[in-house]
Amino acid sequence: MTNKRWTKDRWEYLLDKYLSGTCSREEMDELLTQAGLDPDNRDLAEVLHKHWERSDEKAPVIDWDARLQAIMRQKPGNDPEKEASPFISRWRWHMAVAAVLVLFMSGMWLKSLVSTRNQRRRDIVATPTAPVRHDALPGGNKAILTLANGDIVTLDSAHNGSLAMQANTNVLKKASGVLAYVKNGNTSSGSQPLYNKVSTPNGGQYQVVLPDGSKVWLNASSSLRFPTDFTGSERNVEISGEAYFEIAKDPVRPFKVAIFSSAGLSTGQQVEVLGTSFNVMAYSDENVIRTTLLDGSVKMKNGMAENVLEPGQQAQSALNKPGLRVISDADVAAAVAWKDGYFNFNKQDIQTVMRQLARWYDVEVSYVGPPNDRLFWGGMQRDLPLSAVFKILEKSGVQFSIEGKKVIVTM
């Protein structure tokens, strides 16, 4: 139960400060903590309802993300972790707010953000949810390893420990489910590099530790091709789909990521780094390749176009087309949410939301009814069954049905 001293007046006071951009970190902690204690709190729901109705009358629509960023610009105090890693800190605050939004949506009340050509408004919608006849489970650690000689290893069912020797490199599956490449001795002079490939299916993800100590997280329906030992003056890998990188620093040998389509064709795009953390999203069905930098520095190349990214920036480019566009204040939280086990639906339309769900739950999606401009906000865990995700999304007025591996979305 929420503390009795927490009244409507206290909710009103803190929400007013949050929405006006004057909420301190301490007050934000208090707001999030108390909201999380009781997601069905009627006092909070009534205050939120009043704020959303007020936003309809006044317009413009409240930008929750902008308010949060204003709070993030405040001095965090004596928190060495936040000071050392500002973008990770910002990400955690984003997820705290997303978690609270999910709590609101999971209870009796929901903020539904609707965008149309002529107006933007907020509604509280309570749409009955039909009983679930079928369901789909979330994805997990699933991947296929292709060795240099063409042998296939199914990683999710493989035993822990040594899986193979690739020249002087031992391929290990750790108990945590991580695939690691550990060098045994020096590289033989003049030896040709051996290449391995890790591929995740729909509903799969996997983490790989490369022979230089760099770490790569693969999202669903993605692949990583790499040498089992980095030799020469560069460290080169190839990816398709989506991957998050934490690159081991090596000033002498730059790390280069070549981006390929799901059909195995080069997109002509490349990321060059020395030591940094970044996310690359290059699914063929998304049409836009997005590279988001969290830490360090990367050089993006697409044909003749080149741009050096700074932390917090995102490079965007169309598939198989020249040119790069740089977003200076990128939504880092949304870009890396998948890696930490969350969906982040920040101002995303239903088609974008469903492409993420289709890859993670391994389902096919079809639509009934005319398309609309409704936008979805907030976040939720990726370990929920699909029916639980739909119960939340259906509060916006969109209906879903699951028939085996097929999902029908009624607009």
Protein backbone atom coordinates (compact mmCIF):
# COMPACT_ATOMS: atom_id res chain seq x y z
CA MET A 1 0.00 0.00 0.00
CA THR A 2 1.10 3.58 -0.65
CA ASN A 3 2.08 5.55 2.46
CA LYS A 4 -0.96 7.25 4.00
CA ARG A 5 0.73 10.66 3.99
CA TRP A 6 0.69 10.40 0.18
CA THR A 7 -2.43 12.31 -0.78
CA LYS A 8 -3.79 13.76 -3.97
CA ASP A 9 -2.17 17.05 -2.99
CA ARG A 10 1.26 15.40 -2.92
CA TRP A 11 0.69 13.69 -6.28
CA GLU A 12 -0.53 16.99 -7.70
CA TYR A 13 2.50 18.86 -6.40
CA LEU A 14 5.09 16.43 -7.80
CA LEU A 15 3.38 16.01 -11.17
CA ASP A 16 3.12 19.79 -11.53
CA LYS A 17 6.84 20.10 -10.86
CA TYR A 18 7.65 17.26 -13.28
CA LEU A 19 5.54 18.66 -16.08
CA SER A 20 6.92 22.17 -15.60
CA GLY A 21 10.50 20.90 -15.81
CA THR A 22 11.36 21.99 -12.23
CA CYS A 23 11.31 18.57 -10.58
CA SER A 24 14.55 17.75 -8.74
CA ARG A 25 16.21 14.33 -8.80
CA GLU A 26 15.10 13.74 -5.21
CA GLU A 27 11.50 14.58 -6.10
CA MET A 28 11.70 12.40 -9.21
CA ASP A 29 12.95 9.50 -7.06
CA GLU A 30 10.03 10.05 -4.71
CA LEU A 31 7.52 10.17 -7.58
CA LEU A 32 8.80 7.01 -9.27
CA THR A 33 9.14 5.08 -6.02
CA GLN A 34 5.66 5.87 -4.77
CA ALA A 35 4.07 5.25 -8.18
CA GLY A 36 5.80 1.87 -8.38
CA LEU A 37 4.50 0.79 -4.96
CA ASP A 38 0.90 0.78 -6.07
CA PRO A 39 0.17 0.81 -9.83
CA ASP A 40 -3.60 0.81 -9.19
CA ASN A 41 -3.48 3.87 -6.92
CA ARG A 42 -6.70 5.77 -7.61
CA ASP A 43 -5.40 9.08 -6.30
CA LEU A 44 -2.55 9.00 -8.80
CA ALA A 45 -4.88 7.89 -11.62
CA GLU A 46 -7.28 10.77 -10.96
CA VAL A 47 -4.48 13.33 -10.88
CA LEU A 48 -3.00 11.95 -14.10
CA HIS A 49 -6.41 12.00 -15.73
CA LYS A 50 -6.83 15.65 -14.82
CA HIS A 51 -3.39 16.54 -16.23
CA TRP A 52 -4.10 14.75 -19.50
CA GLU A 53 -7.50 16.45 -19.85
CA ARG A 54 -5.82 19.77 -19.15
CA SER A 55 -3.26 19.06 -21.88
CA ASP A 56 -6.16 18.51 -24.32
CA GLU A 57 -7.59 21.90 -23.47
CA LYS A 58 -4.36 23.79 -23.55
CA ALA A 59 -2.27 22.02 -26.19
CA PRO A 60 0.58 21.61 -26.87
CA VAL A 61 0.90 18.01 -25.82
CA ILE A 62 3.20 17.35 -22.87
CA ASP A 63 6.53 15.95 -23.95
CA TRP A 64 7.42 13.58 -21.11
CA ASP A 65 10.79 12.76 -22.64
CA ALA A 66 11.80 16.43 -22.82
CA ARG A 67 10.81 16.92 -19.18
CA LEU A 68 12.94 13.97 -18.16
CA GLN A 69 15.94 15.30 -20.08
CA ALA A 70 15.58 18.62 -18.28
CA ILE A 71 15.86 16.76 -14.99
CA MET A 72 18.84 14.81 -16.32
CA ARG A 73 20.72 18.05 -16.96
CA GLN A 74 20.78 18.70 -13.22
CA LYS A 75 23.92 17.83 -11.28
CA PRO A 76 23.57 14.21 -10.14
CA GLY A 77 25.48 14.73 -6.90
CA ASN A 78 28.06 12.28 -5.60
CA ASP A 79 27.26 9.32 -7.80
CA PRO A 80 30.48 8.14 -9.46
CA GLU A 81 28.67 5.66 -11.71
CA LYS A 82 26.43 8.36 -13.17
CA GLU A 83 29.32 10.79 -13.57
CA ALA A 84 31.50 8.22 -15.28
CA SER A 85 28.84 7.07 -17.72
CA PRO A 86 26.31 9.84 -18.44
CA PHE A 87 24.48 8.04 -21.23
CA ILE A 88 24.05 4.85 -19.22
CA SER A 89 22.76 7.06 -16.39
CA ARG A 90 20.29 8.74 -18.74
CA TRP A 91 19.20 5.32 -20.01
CA ARG A 92 18.43 4.12 -16.49
CA TRP A 93 16.30 7.17 -15.82
CA HIS A 94 14.44 6.63 -19.09
CA MET A 95 13.73 3.04 -18.13
CA ALA A 96 12.53 4.11 -14.68
CA VAL A 97 9.95 6.37 -16.30
CA ALA A 98 9.07 3.69 -18.87
CA ALA A 99 8.52 1.18 -16.06
CA VAL A 100 6.16 3.57 -14.29
CA LEU A 101 4.24 4.17 -17.54
CA VAL A 102 3.81 0.42 -17.90
CA LEU A 103 2.51 0.22 -14.35
CA PHE A 104 -0.07 2.87 -15.19
CA MET A 105 -1.03 1.06 -18.38
CA SER A 106 -1.26 -2.30 -16.61
CA GLY A 107 -3.75 -0.95 -14.05
CA MET A 108 -7.16 0.62 -14.54
CA TRP A 109 -5.93 3.73 -16.35
CA LEU A 110 -3.89 4.42 -19.48
CA LYS A 111 -2.36 7.37 -21.22
CA SER A 112 -3.14 6.92 -24.92
CA LEU A 113 -1.30 9.26 -27.26
CA VAL A 114 -3.03 9.78 -30.57
CA SER A 115 -1.48 11.75 -33.41
CA THR A 116 -3.49 12.84 -36.45
CA ARG A 117 -2.83 15.29 -39.25
CA ASN A 118 -5.08 17.93 -37.72
CA GLN A 119 -4.75 17.46 -33.98
CA ARG A 120 -2.94 15.70 -31.16
CA ARG A 121 -4.76 14.71 -28.05
CA ARG A 122 -4.53 12.39 -25.03
CA ASP A 123 -7.28 10.01 -24.04
CA ILE A 124 -7.94 7.61 -21.21
CA VAL A 125 -9.21 4.45 -22.88
CA ALA A 126 -10.57 1.37 -21.16
CA THR A 127 -11.12 -1.20 -23.89
CA PRO A 128 -12.21 -4.70 -22.77
CA THR A 129 -9.69 -7.36 -23.61
CA ALA A 130 -10.94 -10.58 -25.16
CA PRO A 131 -9.92 -13.87 -23.52
CA VAL A 132 -6.61 -15.21 -24.80
CA ARG A 133 -7.05 -18.39 -26.82
CA HIS A 134 -3.49 -18.58 -28.16
CA ASP A 135 -0.21 -17.09 -27.11
CA ALA A 136 3.44 -16.76 -28.12
CA LEU A 137 6.36 -16.97 -25.74
CA PRO A 138 9.18 -14.41 -25.76
CA GLY A 139 12.51 -15.16 -27.38
CA GLY A 140 15.70 -16.15 -25.59
CA ASN A 141 19.31 -17.18 -26.07
CA LYS A 142 19.15 -18.95 -29.44
CA ALA A 143 21.78 -18.92 -32.16
CA ILE A 144 23.58 -21.00 -34.77
CA LEU A 145 27.38 -21.05 -34.97
CA THR A 146 28.92 -21.84 -38.35
CA LEU A 147 32.57 -22.91 -38.08
CA ALA A 148 35.27 -22.29 -40.68
CA ASN A 149 34.84 -25.77 -42.18
CA GLY A 150 31.07 -25.35 -42.51
CA ASP A 151 30.11 -27.41 -39.45
CA ILE A 152 27.00 -26.15 -37.65
CA VAL A 153 26.61 -25.87 -33.87
CA THR A 154 23.22 -25.09 -32.33
CA LEU A 155 24.32 -22.92 -29.42
CA ASP A 156 21.12 -23.04 -27.34
CA SER A 157 21.36 -26.84 -27.05
CA ALA A 158 25.18 -27.18 -27.10
CA HIS A 159 27.02 -28.21 -23.95
CA ASN A 160 28.96 -25.68 -21.89
CA GLY A 161 32.73 -25.65 -22.31
CA SER A 162 34.93 -26.07 -25.39
CA LEU A 163 32.98 -26.43 -28.64
CA ALA A 164 35.81 -26.41 -31.18
CA MET A 165 39.37 -25.36 -31.92
CA GLN A 166 39.78 -22.85 -34.74
CA ALA A 167 43.54 -22.82 -35.45
CA ASN A 168 45.01 -21.45 -32.20
CA THR A 169 41.69 -20.19 -30.81
CA ASN A 170 39.44 -22.13 -28.45
CA VAL A 171 35.70 -21.62 -28.96
CA LEU A 172 33.94 -21.76 -25.59
CA LYS A 173 30.31 -21.69 -24.54
CA LYS A 174 30.18 -20.31 -21.02
CA ALA A 175 27.61 -21.24 -18.40
CA SER A 176 26.12 -17.75 -18.75
CA GLY A 177 25.28 -18.54 -22.38
CA VAL A 178 28.04 -16.32 -23.80
CA LEU A 179 30.14 -17.54 -26.73
CA ALA A 180 33.82 -16.64 -26.19
CA TYR A 181 36.93 -16.92 -28.38
CA VAL A 182 40.11 -17.47 -26.37
CA LYS A 183 43.53 -17.50 -28.02
CA ASN A 184 45.97 -20.27 -27.13
CA GLY A 185 49.48 -19.09 -27.99
CA ASN A 186 50.64 -16.81 -30.78
CA THR A 187 49.31 -16.58 -34.30
CA SER A 188 51.21 -18.65 -36.82
CA SER A 189 53.14 -16.46 -39.25
CA GLY A 190 51.55 -16.30 -42.68
CA SER A 191 48.49 -18.30 -41.67
CA GLN A 192 45.19 -17.43 -43.33
CA PRO A 193 42.44 -16.22 -40.99
CA LEU A 194 39.54 -18.55 -40.28
CA TYR A 195 36.04 -17.09 -40.22
CA ASN A 196 33.08 -18.02 -38.03
CA LYS A 197 29.51 -16.79 -38.17
CA VAL A 198 26.92 -16.50 -35.41
CA SER A 199 23.30 -16.14 -36.56
CA THR A 200 20.21 -15.59 -34.45
CA PRO A 201 16.73 -16.57 -35.67
CA ASN A 202 13.50 -14.71 -35.01
CA GLY A 203 13.01 -15.06 -31.28
CA GLY A 204 16.74 -15.35 -30.64
CA GLN A 205 19.56 -13.27 -29.16
CA TYR A 206 23.17 -14.02 -28.25
CA GLN A 207 26.34 -12.47 -26.85
CA VAL A 208 29.77 -13.08 -28.35
CA VAL A 209 33.19 -12.19 -26.93
CA LEU A 210 35.61 -11.78 -29.81
CA PRO A 211 39.29 -12.84 -29.66
CA ASP A 212 40.42 -9.26 -28.89
CA GLY A 213 38.01 -9.01 -25.92
CA SER A 214 35.40 -6.91 -27.74
CA LYS A 215 31.81 -7.80 -26.83
CA VAL A 216 28.90 -8.04 -29.26
CA TRP A 217 25.22 -8.53 -28.44
CA LEU A 218 23.09 -9.80 -31.32
CA ASN A 219 19.38 -9.05 -31.45
CA ALA A 220 16.82 -11.33 -33.11
CA SER A 221 17.22 -12.18 -36.81
CA SER A 222 20.82 -10.94 -36.95
CA SER A 223 24.25 -12.28 -37.83
CA LEU A 224 27.91 -11.57 -37.10
CA ARG A 225 30.79 -12.82 -39.26
CA PHE A 226 34.31 -12.44 -37.86
CA PRO A 227 37.83 -13.96 -37.90
CA THR A 228 38.70 -16.32 -35.08
CA ASP A 229 41.92 -14.34 -34.58
CA PHE A 230 42.50 -10.71 -35.52
CA THR A 231 45.70 -10.38 -37.56
CA GLY A 232 47.07 -7.53 -39.61
CA SER A 233 46.46 -3.81 -39.12
CA GLU A 234 42.66 -3.87 -38.83
CA ARG A 235 39.93 -5.75 -36.99
CA ASN A 236 37.12 -6.37 -39.48
CA VAL A 237 33.70 -7.91 -38.86
CA GLU A 238 30.41 -8.04 -40.79
CA ILE A 239 26.89 -7.75 -39.40
CA SER A 240 23.28 -7.85 -40.53
CA GLY A 241 20.22 -7.09 -38.44
CA GLU A 242 20.97 -5.41 -35.12
CA ALA A 243 23.97 -5.55 -32.79
CA TYR A 244 25.34 -3.65 -29.81
CA PHE A 245 29.14 -3.35 -29.57
CA GLU A 246 31.57 -2.68 -26.75
CA ILE A 247 34.94 -2.49 -28.49
CA ALA A 248 38.25 -3.23 -26.77
CA LYS A 249 40.61 -0.31 -27.27
CA ASP A 250 43.54 -0.82 -29.62
CA PRO A 251 44.97 2.44 -31.03
CA VAL A 252 47.12 0.54 -33.54
CA ARG A 253 44.32 -1.55 -35.06
CA PRO A 254 40.99 0.17 -35.76
CA PHE A 255 37.82 -1.91 -35.49
CA LYS A 256 35.63 -1.81 -38.60
CA VAL A 257 32.04 -3.04 -38.94
CA ALA A 258 30.74 -3.66 -42.46
CA ILE A 259 26.94 -3.62 -42.66
CA PHE A 260 25.20 -6.24 -44.79
CA SER A 261 21.58 -6.89 -45.66
CA SER A 262 19.74 -9.99 -44.44
CA ALA A 263 20.28 -11.44 -47.93
CA GLY A 264 24.06 -11.24 -47.43
CA LEU A 265 24.61 -8.28 -49.75
CA SER A 266 26.83 -5.37 -48.75
CA THR A 267 25.01 -2.09 -48.08
CA GLY A 268 28.24 -0.17 -48.68
CA GLN A 269 28.13 1.21 -45.13
CA GLN A 270 30.85 0.90 -42.54
CA VAL A 271 31.50 1.90 -38.94
CA GLU A 272 35.13 2.55 -37.94
CA VAL A 273 36.11 2.77 -34.27
CA LEU A 274 39.12 2.55 -31.93
CA GLY A 275 37.33 1.82 -28.65
CA THR A 276 33.72 2.67 -27.96
CA SER A 277 30.12 1.53 -27.35
CA PHE A 278 27.50 1.80 -30.07
CA ASN A 279 24.40 0.17 -31.54
CA VAL A 280 23.76 -0.63 -35.21
CA MET A 281 20.22 -1.34 -36.40
CA ALA A 282 20.20 -2.48 -40.03
CA TYR A 283 17.13 -4.64 -40.59
CA SER A 284 16.10 -4.78 -44.23
CA ASP A 285 12.43 -4.25 -43.39
CA GLU A 286 13.14 -1.00 -41.51
CA ASN A 287 14.44 0.81 -44.64
CA VAL A 288 16.71 3.06 -42.54
CA ILE A 289 20.04 2.02 -41.03
CA ARG A 290 20.63 3.64 -37.63
CA THR A 291 23.97 3.76 -35.82
CA THR A 292 23.72 5.21 -32.30
CA LEU A 293 26.83 6.14 -30.31
CA LEU A 294 26.85 5.84 -26.52
CA ASP A 295 30.51 6.36 -25.76
CA GLY A 296 33.76 7.15 -27.60
CA SER A 297 33.88 8.11 -31.25
CA VAL A 298 33.03 6.42 -34.55
CA LYS A 299 33.39 7.35 -38.18
CA MET A 300 30.41 6.49 -40.34
CA LYS A 301 30.89 5.85 -44.05
CA ASN A 302 28.25 5.43 -46.74
CA GLY A 303 29.72 5.65 -50.21
CA MET A 304 31.48 9.02 -50.43
CA ALA A 305 29.69 10.41 -47.37
CA GLU A 306 31.56 10.40 -44.03
CA ASN A 307 30.59 11.67 -40.58
CA VAL A 308 32.26 11.38 -37.17
CA LEU A 309 29.70 10.80 -34.42
CA GLU A 310 29.85 12.08 -30.86
CA PRO A 311 28.17 10.37 -27.88
CA GLY A 312 24.42 10.82 -28.04
CA GLN A 313 24.32 11.16 -31.82
CA GLN A 314 22.77 8.81 -34.36
CA ALA A 315 23.64 8.39 -38.04
CA GLN A 316 20.76 7.51 -40.34
CA SER A 317 20.89 6.40 -43.94
CA ALA A 318 18.52 4.75 -46.38
CA LEU A 319 19.24 1.19 -47.46
CA ASN A 320 21.34 1.05 -50.64
CA LYS A 321 21.30 4.82 -51.08
CA PRO A 322 24.17 7.31 -50.63
CA GLY A 323 24.31 9.96 -47.94
CA LEU A 324 24.15 10.21 -44.16
CA ARG A 325 21.94 12.16 -41.80
CA VAL A 326 23.15 12.85 -38.24
CA ILE A 327 20.66 13.30 -35.37
CA SER A 328 22.39 15.32 -32.65
CA ASP A 329 20.09 14.46 -29.74
CA ALA A 330 19.26 10.84 -30.46
CA ASP A 331 16.97 8.69 -28.33
CA VAL A 332 19.74 6.52 -26.91
CA ALA A 333 17.33 4.81 -24.53
CA ALA A 334 15.15 3.52 -27.35
CA ALA A 335 18.15 2.40 -29.42
CA VAL A 336 19.64 0.13 -26.74
CA ALA A 337 16.50 -0.95 -24.86
CA TRP A 338 16.49 -4.42 -26.47
CA LYS A 339 19.97 -5.20 -25.17
CA ASP A 340 18.85 -4.75 -21.55
CA GLY A 341 15.62 -6.70 -21.96
CA TYR A 342 13.07 -3.99 -22.75
CA PHE A 343 10.91 -2.70 -25.55
CA ASN A 344 10.91 1.09 -25.76
CA PHE A 345 8.02 2.41 -27.82
CA ASN A 346 8.89 6.10 -27.95
CA LYS A 347 6.60 7.88 -30.43
CA GLN A 348 6.38 4.77 -32.63
CA ASP A 349 3.51 3.83 -34.92
CA ILE A 350 1.82 0.44 -34.84
CA GLN A 351 3.78 -0.91 -37.83
CA THR A 352 7.13 -0.12 -36.16
CA VAL A 353 5.94 -1.65 -32.89
CA MET A 354 4.75 -4.81 -34.62
CA ARG A 355 8.00 -5.30 -36.54
CA GLN A 356 9.85 -5.43 -33.21
CA LEU A 357 7.32 -7.84 -31.73
CA ALA A 358 7.31 -10.04 -34.84
CA ARG A 359 11.07 -10.52 -34.68
CA TRP A 360 11.15 -11.24 -30.96
CA TYR A 361 8.08 -13.50 -30.75
CA ASP A 362 8.64 -15.11 -34.18
CA VAL A 363 5.19 -14.36 -35.54
CA GLU A 364 3.74 -13.10 -38.83
CA VAL A 365 1.62 -9.95 -38.78
CA SER A 366 -1.32 -8.89 -40.95
CA TYR A 367 -3.52 -5.79 -40.65
CA VAL A 368 -7.26 -5.26 -40.91
CA GLY A 369 -8.66 -1.78 -41.41
CA PRO A 370 -7.18 1.49 -42.67
CA PRO A 371 -3.80 2.64 -41.34
CA ASN A 372 -3.83 5.44 -38.76
CA ASP A 373 -1.39 7.87 -37.16
CA ARG A 374 -1.71 6.59 -33.60
CA LEU A 375 1.59 6.71 -31.70
CA PHE A 376 2.70 4.49 -28.82
CA TRP A 377 4.80 5.58 -25.85
CA GLY A 378 6.35 3.87 -22.84
CA GLY A 379 8.14 0.58 -22.43
CA MET A 380 7.81 -2.95 -21.13
CA GLN A 381 9.91 -6.02 -20.48
CA ARG A 382 10.77 -8.38 -23.33
CA ASP A 383 10.21 -11.46 -21.15
CA LEU A 384 6.40 -11.12 -21.17
CA PRO A 385 4.23 -13.51 -23.19
CA LEU A 386 2.81 -11.83 -26.28
CA SER A 387 -0.73 -11.81 -24.89
CA ALA A 388 0.45 -9.68 -21.94
CA VAL A 389 2.00 -7.17 -24.34
CA PHE A 390 -1.23 -7.02 -26.33
CA LYS A 391 -3.29 -6.44 -23.18
CA ILE A 392 -1.31 -3.26 -22.66
CA LEU A 393 -1.33 -2.13 -26.29
CA GLU A 394 -5.07 -2.81 -26.65
CA LYS A 395 -5.75 0.01 -24.20
CA SER A 396 -5.04 2.35 -27.12
CA GLY A 397 -7.99 0.97 -29.07
CA VAL A 398 -6.07 -1.39 -31.38
CA GLN A 399 -7.20 -5.03 -31.20
CA PHE A 400 -5.02 -8.12 -31.60
CA SER A 401 -5.70 -11.81 -32.12
CA ILE A 402 -3.16 -14.65 -32.08
CA GLU A 403 -3.65 -17.76 -34.18
CA GLY A 404 -0.58 -19.95 -33.88
CA LYS A 405 2.27 -18.05 -35.51
CA LYS A 406 -0.04 -15.44 -37.02
CA VAL A 407 -1.14 -12.17 -35.44
CA ILE A 408 -4.01 -10.10 -36.82
CA VAL A 409 -4.02 -6.40 -35.94
CA THR A 410 -7.40 -4.68 -36.23
CA MET A 411 -6.99 -0.94 -36.54
